[in-house]
Amino acid sequence: MNRILAINGSYRDDGITDQTVAAFAQALKAAGAEVEIILLRDYPIDFCLNCRACTQLPGVAPAECVHHDGMKELIEKIERADCYILATPTNMGSVTAIFKRFMERLVVYAYWSWDMNGPQFRKAQATKKKALLVSSSAAPGIMGRWLFGTNKQLKMTAKTIGAEVVGTLFTGMIAKEQHPMLPDRVKAKIKTLAGRLV
C-alpha cells in the first residue's frame, strides 16, 4: 500500500487548497492508498536560524536541527512516505509564509560544510519518490503558473526531499467568490492526477 503524505500550506479552513487536498485524499484512498494530511497552520515549526549546524555532516539521511519542535516529527513522516502532495495557495506571487518557513527548515536535507561553495542535496542520488504539486491563484491559471514563483518553489521542495514531480494542478480565478467551491473540471483532473501516485 502506498503511503502518501499531503503537506498543505493554506491558512484558510475549507478554502480551495483544503478542498483540493481533500479531493485528492478521497481519490487516493479509493485507489487503496494510505493518506495523511498535514496542515502546516496547525504545526509547531520554528523559523530556521540559518546556522547551518544541520548541514555539516555528509550522508543521505536528513540531519538533526538545533530546534526541537514539530519539524522533527514531520521529517520522520516525510522519510516514511512513498509519495507526496505539496500544496499551497499563492500569496503575493509566492507560496504562503508558513509553507516558506517549512521549506527553509528542509535545509536538513542539504550537505553544506563551511569549505563548500554551495549545498549538495542529500537525496540527489536516491530512488525518486513521486510528488504532485497543487496551488491556486486569484489570477487566471496560465498567468499564475508562469508569472508567480509558487510552482518553482514547490518544485524545489520536491527536489529537496528527493521526489520527482509527476503532475501539477494550478487552479486560477479562485477569488471571484467569498467561499469558492472546487469546480467539477478540477475534480475530474484530480482523479486523473491521483492515478500517477498509485
C-alpha atoms as a PDB file:
ATOM      1  CA  MET A   1       0.000   0.000   0.000  1.00  0.00           C
ATOM      2  CA  ASN A   2       1.365   3.417  -0.984  1.00  0.00           C
ATOM      3  CA  ARG A   3       1.793   5.832   1.927  1.00  0.00           C
ATOM      4  CA  ILE A   4       1.051   9.344   0.702  1.00  0.00           C
ATOM      5  CA  LEU A   5       1.810  12.455   2.724  1.00  0.00           C
ATOM      6  CA  ALA A   6      -0.063  15.639   1.789  1.00  0.00           C
ATOM      7  CA  ILE A   7       1.532  18.833   3.112  1.00  0.00           C
ATOM      8  CA  ASN A   8      -0.874  21.762   2.978  1.00  0.00           C
ATOM      9  CA  GLY A   9       0.382  25.327   3.431  1.00  0.00           C
ATOM     10  CA  SER A  10      -3.003  27.071   3.318  1.00  0.00           C
ATOM     11  CA  TYR A  11      -4.147  29.399   6.090  1.00  0.00           C
ATOM     12  CA  ARG A  12      -7.831  29.020   5.318  1.00  0.00           C
ATOM     13  CA  ASP A  13     -10.137  26.277   6.564  1.00  0.00           C
ATOM     14  CA  ASP A  14     -12.055  24.688   3.672  1.00  0.00           C
ATOM     15  CA  GLY A  15     -10.632  27.053   1.073  1.00  0.00           C
ATOM     16  CA  ILE A  16      -9.759  25.883  -2.428  1.00  0.00           C
ATOM     17  CA  THR A  17      -6.455  24.343  -1.332  1.00  0.00           C
ATOM     18  CA  ASP A  18      -8.098  22.419   1.525  1.00  0.00           C
ATOM     19  CA  GLN A  19     -10.851  21.238  -0.827  1.00  0.00           C
ATOM     20  CA  THR A  20      -8.301  20.161  -3.441  1.00  0.00           C
ATOM     21  CA  VAL A  21      -6.178  18.210  -0.972  1.00  0.00           C
ATOM     22  CA  ALA A  22      -9.303  16.557   0.468  1.00  0.00           C
ATOM     23  CA  ALA A  23     -10.442  15.550  -3.042  1.00  0.00           C
ATOM     24  CA  PHE A  24      -7.009  14.047  -3.762  1.00  0.00           C
ATOM     25  CA  ALA A  25      -7.137  12.145  -0.462  1.00  0.00           C
ATOM     26  CA  GLN A  26     -10.573  10.747  -1.309  1.00  0.00           C
ATOM     27  CA  ALA A  27      -9.461   9.611  -4.773  1.00  0.00           C
ATOM     28  CA  LEU A  28      -6.243   8.071  -3.445  1.00  0.00           C
ATOM     29  CA  LYS A  29      -7.964   6.225  -0.601  1.00  0.00           C
ATOM     30  CA  ALA A  30     -10.478   4.843  -3.101  1.00  0.00           C
ATOM     31  CA  ALA A  31      -7.499   3.500  -5.054  1.00  0.00           C
ATOM     32  CA  GLY A  32      -6.181   1.735  -1.940  1.00  0.00           C
ATOM     33  CA  ALA A  33      -3.560   4.231  -0.754  1.00  0.00           C
ATOM     34  CA  GLU A  34      -2.959   5.356   2.810  1.00  0.00           C
ATOM     35  CA  VAL A  35      -3.137   9.168   3.034  1.00  0.00           C
ATOM     36  CA  GLU A  36      -2.122  11.541   5.824  1.00  0.00           C
ATOM     37  CA  ILE A  37      -2.790  15.279   5.573  1.00  0.00           C
ATOM     38  CA  ILE A  38      -0.523  17.735   7.387  1.00  0.00           C
ATOM     39  CA  LEU A  39      -1.947  21.233   7.894  1.00  0.00           C
ATOM     40  CA  LEU A  40       1.104  23.428   8.383  1.00  0.00           C
ATOM     41  CA  ARG A  41      -1.100  26.080  10.025  1.00  0.00           C
ATOM     42  CA  ASP A  42      -1.562  23.675  12.936  1.00  0.00           C
ATOM     43  CA  TYR A  43       2.074  22.520  13.137  1.00  0.00           C
ATOM     44  CA  PRO A  44       4.581  23.986  15.612  1.00  0.00           C
ATOM     45  CA  ILE A  45       7.514  24.872  13.341  1.00  0.00           C
ATOM     46  CA  ASP A  46      10.067  27.490  14.392  1.00  0.00           C
ATOM     47  CA  PHE A  47      11.901  29.687  11.916  1.00  0.00           C
ATOM     48  CA  CYS A  48      15.211  28.430  10.522  1.00  0.00           C
ATOM     49  CA  LEU A  49      18.143  30.174  12.242  1.00  0.00           C
ATOM     50  CA  ASN A  50      20.320  29.843   9.134  1.00  0.00           C
ATOM     51  CA  CYS A  51      23.068  28.498  11.414  1.00  0.00           C
ATOM     52  CA  ARG A  52      23.805  25.546   9.070  1.00  0.00           C
ATOM     53  CA  ALA A  53      24.613  23.299  12.014  1.00  0.00           C
ATOM     54  CA  CYS A  54      22.489  20.588  10.388  1.00  0.00           C
ATOM     55  CA  THR A  55      24.407  20.732   7.100  1.00  0.00           C
ATOM     56  CA  GLN A  56      27.908  19.931   8.313  1.00  0.00           C
ATOM     57  CA  LEU A  57      27.954  16.117   8.292  1.00  0.00           C
ATOM     58  CA  PRO A  58      27.691  14.172   4.990  1.00  0.00           C
ATOM     59  CA  GLY A  59      25.222  11.365   4.362  1.00  0.00           C
ATOM     60  CA  VAL A  60      21.878  10.687   2.714  1.00  0.00           C
ATOM     61  CA  ALA A  61      19.723  10.854   5.849  1.00  0.00           C
ATOM     62  CA  PRO A  62      18.333  14.246   6.890  1.00  0.00           C
ATOM     63  CA  ALA A  63      20.377  15.755   9.706  1.00  0.00           C
ATOM     64  CA  GLU A  64      19.331  16.918  13.174  1.00  0.00           C
ATOM     65  CA  CYS A  65      18.189  20.516  13.576  1.00  0.00           C
ATOM     66  CA  VAL A  66      19.088  22.603  16.626  1.00  0.00           C
ATOM     67  CA  HIS A  67      15.362  23.261  17.094  1.00  0.00           C
ATOM     68  CA  HIS A  68      13.325  20.592  18.889  1.00  0.00           C
ATOM     69  CA  ASP A  69       9.822  21.234  17.571  1.00  0.00           C
ATOM     70  CA  GLY A  70       7.189  19.722  15.300  1.00  0.00           C
ATOM     71  CA  MET A  71       9.524  19.667  12.295  1.00  0.00           C
ATOM     72  CA  LYS A  72      11.330  16.605  13.670  1.00  0.00           C
ATOM     73  CA  GLU A  73       8.115  14.577  13.536  1.00  0.00           C
ATOM     74  CA  LEU A  74       7.314  15.979  10.100  1.00  0.00           C
ATOM     75  CA  ILE A  75      10.737  14.968   8.734  1.00  0.00           C
ATOM     76  CA  GLU A  76      10.117  11.445  10.042  1.00  0.00           C
ATOM     77  CA  LYS A  77       6.772  11.394   8.209  1.00  0.00           C
ATOM     78  CA  ILE A  78       8.447  12.642   5.002  1.00  0.00           C
ATOM     79  CA  GLU A  79      11.012   9.858   5.260  1.00  0.00           C
ATOM     80  CA  ARG A  80       8.357   7.145   5.767  1.00  0.00           C
ATOM     81  CA  ALA A  81       6.105   8.305   2.925  1.00  0.00           C
ATOM     82  CA  ASP A  82       6.248   6.808  -0.574  1.00  0.00           C
ATOM     83  CA  CYS A  83       4.696   9.803  -2.347  1.00  0.00           C
ATOM     84  CA  TYR A  84       3.751  13.408  -1.643  1.00  0.00           C
ATOM     85  CA  ILE A  85       1.206  16.091  -2.376  1.00  0.00           C
ATOM     86  CA  LEU A  86       2.758  19.524  -1.859  1.00  0.00           C
ATOM     87  CA  ALA A  87       0.057  22.188  -1.702  1.00  0.00           C
ATOM     88  CA  THR A  88      -0.129  25.924  -1.092  1.00  0.00           C
ATOM     89  CA  PRO A  89      -2.136  28.906  -2.283  1.00  0.00           C
ATOM     90  CA  THR A  90      -0.324  31.759  -3.997  1.00  0.00           C
ATOM     91  CA  ASN A  91       0.069  34.813  -1.761  1.00  0.00           C
ATOM     92  CA  MET A  92       1.797  37.911  -3.133  1.00  0.00           C
ATOM     93  CA  GLY A  93       3.187  35.877  -6.039  1.00  0.00           C
ATOM     94  CA  SER A  94       4.690  33.148  -3.862  1.00  0.00           C
ATOM     95  CA  VAL A  95       3.980  30.221  -1.567  1.00  0.00           C
ATOM     96  CA  THR A  96       2.443  31.199   1.768  1.00  0.00           C
ATOM     97  CA  ALA A  97       4.704  32.299   4.613  1.00  0.00           C
ATOM     98  CA  ILE A  98       4.035  29.095   6.561  1.00  0.00           C
ATOM     99  CA  PHE A  99       4.977  26.974   3.550  1.00  0.00           C
ATOM    100  CA  LYS A 100       8.140  29.045   3.085  1.00  0.00           C
ATOM    101  CA  ARG A 101       9.017  28.540   6.764  1.00  0.00           C
ATOM    102  CA  PHE A 102       8.596  24.781   6.220  1.00  0.00           C
ATOM    103  CA  MET A 103      10.755  24.955   3.060  1.00  0.00           C
ATOM    104  CA  GLU A 104      13.574  26.707   4.890  1.00  0.00           C
ATOM    105  CA  ARG A 105      13.621  24.050   7.589  1.00  0.00           C
ATOM    106  CA  LEU A 106      14.216  21.420   4.875  1.00  0.00           C
ATOM    107  CA  VAL A 107      17.847  22.552   4.908  1.00  0.00           C
ATOM    108  CA  VAL A 108      18.412  19.357   6.948  1.00  0.00           C
ATOM    109  CA  TYR A 109      18.304  17.647   3.523  1.00  0.00           C
ATOM    110  CA  ALA A 110      21.452  19.520   2.442  1.00  0.00           C
ATOM    111  CA  TYR A 111      25.129  18.798   2.993  1.00  0.00           C
ATOM    112  CA  TRP A 112      26.996  22.101   3.046  1.00  0.00           C
ATOM    113  CA  SER A 113      30.182  22.160   5.059  1.00  0.00           C
ATOM    114  CA  TRP A 114      31.852  25.517   5.627  1.00  0.00           C
ATOM    115  CA  ASP A 115      34.536  24.865   2.990  1.00  0.00           C
ATOM    116  CA  MET A 116      31.950  24.252   0.207  1.00  0.00           C
ATOM    117  CA  ASN A 117      30.721  26.996  -2.126  1.00  0.00           C
ATOM    118  CA  GLY A 118      27.191  25.604  -2.254  1.00  0.00           C
ATOM    119  CA  PRO A 119      24.997  22.831  -0.869  1.00  0.00           C
ATOM    120  CA  GLN A 120      24.597  19.283  -2.134  1.00  0.00           C
ATOM    121  CA  PHE A 121      21.189  17.612  -1.951  1.00  0.00           C
ATOM    122  CA  ARG A 122      21.360  14.568   0.302  1.00  0.00           C
ATOM    123  CA  LYS A 123      18.661  12.823  -1.743  1.00  0.00           C
ATOM    124  CA  ALA A 124      20.132  13.627  -5.186  1.00  0.00           C
ATOM    125  CA  GLN A 125      21.127  10.002  -5.821  1.00  0.00           C
ATOM    126  CA  ALA A 126      18.169   8.444  -4.006  1.00  0.00           C
ATOM    127  CA  THR A 127      15.452   6.411  -5.689  1.00  0.00           C
ATOM    128  CA  LYS A 128      12.945   9.068  -6.600  1.00  0.00           C
ATOM    129  CA  LYS A 129       9.653   9.141  -4.833  1.00  0.00           C
ATOM    130  CA  LYS A 130       6.716  10.823  -6.579  1.00  0.00           C
ATOM    131  CA  ALA A 131       5.140  14.201  -5.902  1.00  0.00           C
ATOM    132  CA  LEU A 132       2.099  16.120  -7.100  1.00  0.00           C
ATOM    133  CA  LEU A 133       2.180  19.916  -6.863  1.00  0.00           C
ATOM    134  CA  VAL A 134      -1.016  21.786  -6.005  1.00  0.00           C
ATOM    135  CA  SER A 135      -1.598  25.518  -5.988  1.00  0.00           C
ATOM    136  CA  SER A 136      -4.177  28.178  -6.700  1.00  0.00           C
ATOM    137  CA  SER A 137      -4.239  31.836  -7.600  1.00  0.00           C
ATOM    138  CA  ALA A 138      -6.635  34.749  -7.931  1.00  0.00           C
ATOM    139  CA  ALA A 139      -5.133  35.371 -11.378  1.00  0.00           C
ATOM    140  CA  PRO A 140      -6.048  33.236 -14.396  1.00  0.00           C
ATOM    141  CA  GLY A 141      -4.363  29.832 -14.211  1.00  0.00           C
ATOM    142  CA  ILE A 142      -1.955  30.380 -17.107  1.00  0.00           C
ATOM    143  CA  MET A 143      -0.811  33.727 -15.688  1.00  0.00           C
ATOM    144  CA  GLY A 144      -0.430  32.370 -12.181  1.00  0.00           C
ATOM    145  CA  ARG A 145       1.598  29.404 -13.362  1.00  0.00           C
ATOM    146  CA  TRP A 146       4.086  31.459 -15.396  1.00  0.00           C
ATOM    147  CA  LEU A 147       4.258  34.827 -13.627  1.00  0.00           C
ATOM    148  CA  PHE A 148       4.371  33.751  -9.976  1.00  0.00           C
ATOM    149  CA  GLY A 149       7.061  31.814  -8.115  1.00  0.00           C
ATOM    150  CA  THR A 150       4.761  29.297  -6.437  1.00  0.00           C
ATOM    151  CA  ASN A 151       5.280  26.427  -8.864  1.00  0.00           C
ATOM    152  CA  LYS A 152       9.057  26.899  -8.875  1.00  0.00           C
ATOM    153  CA  GLN A 153       9.154  26.825  -5.065  1.00  0.00           C
ATOM    154  CA  LEU A 154       7.017  23.687  -4.934  1.00  0.00           C
ATOM    155  CA  LYS A 155       9.381  22.030  -7.436  1.00  0.00           C
ATOM    156  CA  MET A 156      12.352  22.985  -5.265  1.00  0.00           C
ATOM    157  CA  THR A 157      10.625  21.450  -2.237  1.00  0.00           C
ATOM    158  CA  ALA A 158      10.064  18.181  -4.117  1.00  0.00           C
ATOM    159  CA  LYS A 159      13.688  18.096  -5.308  1.00  0.00           C
ATOM    160  CA  THR A 160      14.990  18.761  -1.806  1.00  0.00           C
ATOM    161  CA  ILE A 161      13.168  15.781  -0.277  1.00  0.00           C
ATOM    162  CA  GLY A 162      14.104  13.508  -3.200  1.00  0.00           C
ATOM    163  CA  ALA A 163      10.828  13.440  -5.101  1.00  0.00           C
ATOM    164  CA  GLU A 164      10.131  13.507  -8.819  1.00  0.00           C
ATOM    165  CA  VAL A 165       7.253  15.747  -9.892  1.00  0.00           C
ATOM    166  CA  VAL A 166       4.700  13.648 -11.799  1.00  0.00           C
ATOM    167  CA  GLY A 167       1.914  16.201 -12.066  1.00  0.00           C
ATOM    168  CA  THR A 168       0.835  19.764 -11.330  1.00  0.00           C
ATOM    169  CA  LEU A 169      -2.589  21.214 -10.586  1.00  0.00           C
ATOM    170  CA  PHE A 170      -2.794  25.016 -10.671  1.00  0.00           C
ATOM    171  CA  THR A 171      -6.286  26.445 -10.245  1.00  0.00           C
ATOM    172  CA  GLY A 172      -6.807  30.064 -11.291  1.00  0.00           C
ATOM    173  CA  MET A 173      -9.512  32.689 -10.877  1.00  0.00           C
ATOM    174  CA  ILE A 174     -10.464  31.445  -7.413  1.00  0.00           C
ATOM    175  CA  ALA A 175     -11.049  34.881  -5.832  1.00  0.00           C
ATOM    176  CA  LYS A 176     -14.326  35.757  -7.532  1.00  0.00           C
ATOM    177  CA  GLU A 177     -16.394  34.347  -4.695  1.00  0.00           C
ATOM    178  CA  GLN A 178     -16.047  34.694  -0.941  1.00  0.00           C
ATOM    179  CA  HIS A 179     -16.475  30.952  -0.413  1.00  0.00           C
ATOM    180  CA  PRO A 180     -15.392  29.308  -3.693  1.00  0.00           C
ATOM    181  CA  MET A 181     -16.171  25.675  -4.370  1.00  0.00           C
ATOM    182  CA  LEU A 182     -13.936  23.318  -6.277  1.00  0.00           C
ATOM    183  CA  PRO A 183     -15.115  23.261  -9.928  1.00  0.00           C
ATOM    184  CA  ASP A 184     -16.172  19.937 -11.461  1.00  0.00           C
ATOM    185  CA  ARG A 185     -13.467  20.209 -14.131  1.00  0.00           C
ATOM    186  CA  VAL A 186     -10.839  20.379 -11.362  1.00  0.00           C
ATOM    187  CA  LYS A 187     -12.371  17.358  -9.610  1.00  0.00           C
ATOM    188  CA  ALA A 188     -12.087  15.408 -12.863  1.00  0.00           C
ATOM    189  CA  LYS A 189      -8.423  16.379 -13.232  1.00  0.00           C
ATOM    190  CA  ILE A 190      -7.754  15.350  -9.638  1.00  0.00           C
ATOM    191  CA  LYS A 191      -8.957  11.812 -10.362  1.00  0.00           C
ATOM    192  CA  THR A 192      -6.592  11.596 -13.331  1.00  0.00           C
ATOM    193  CA  LEU A 193      -3.589  13.010 -11.464  1.00  0.00           C
ATOM    194  CA  ALA A 194      -4.201  10.814  -8.406  1.00  0.00           C
ATOM    195  CA  GLY A 195      -3.581   7.781 -10.594  1.00  0.00           C
ATOM    196  CA  ARG A 196       0.030   8.899 -11.049  1.00  0.00           C
ATOM    197  CA  LEU A 197       0.765   8.267  -7.379  1.00  0.00           C
ATOM    198  CA  VAL A 198      -0.777   4.778  -7.076  1.00  0.00           C
END
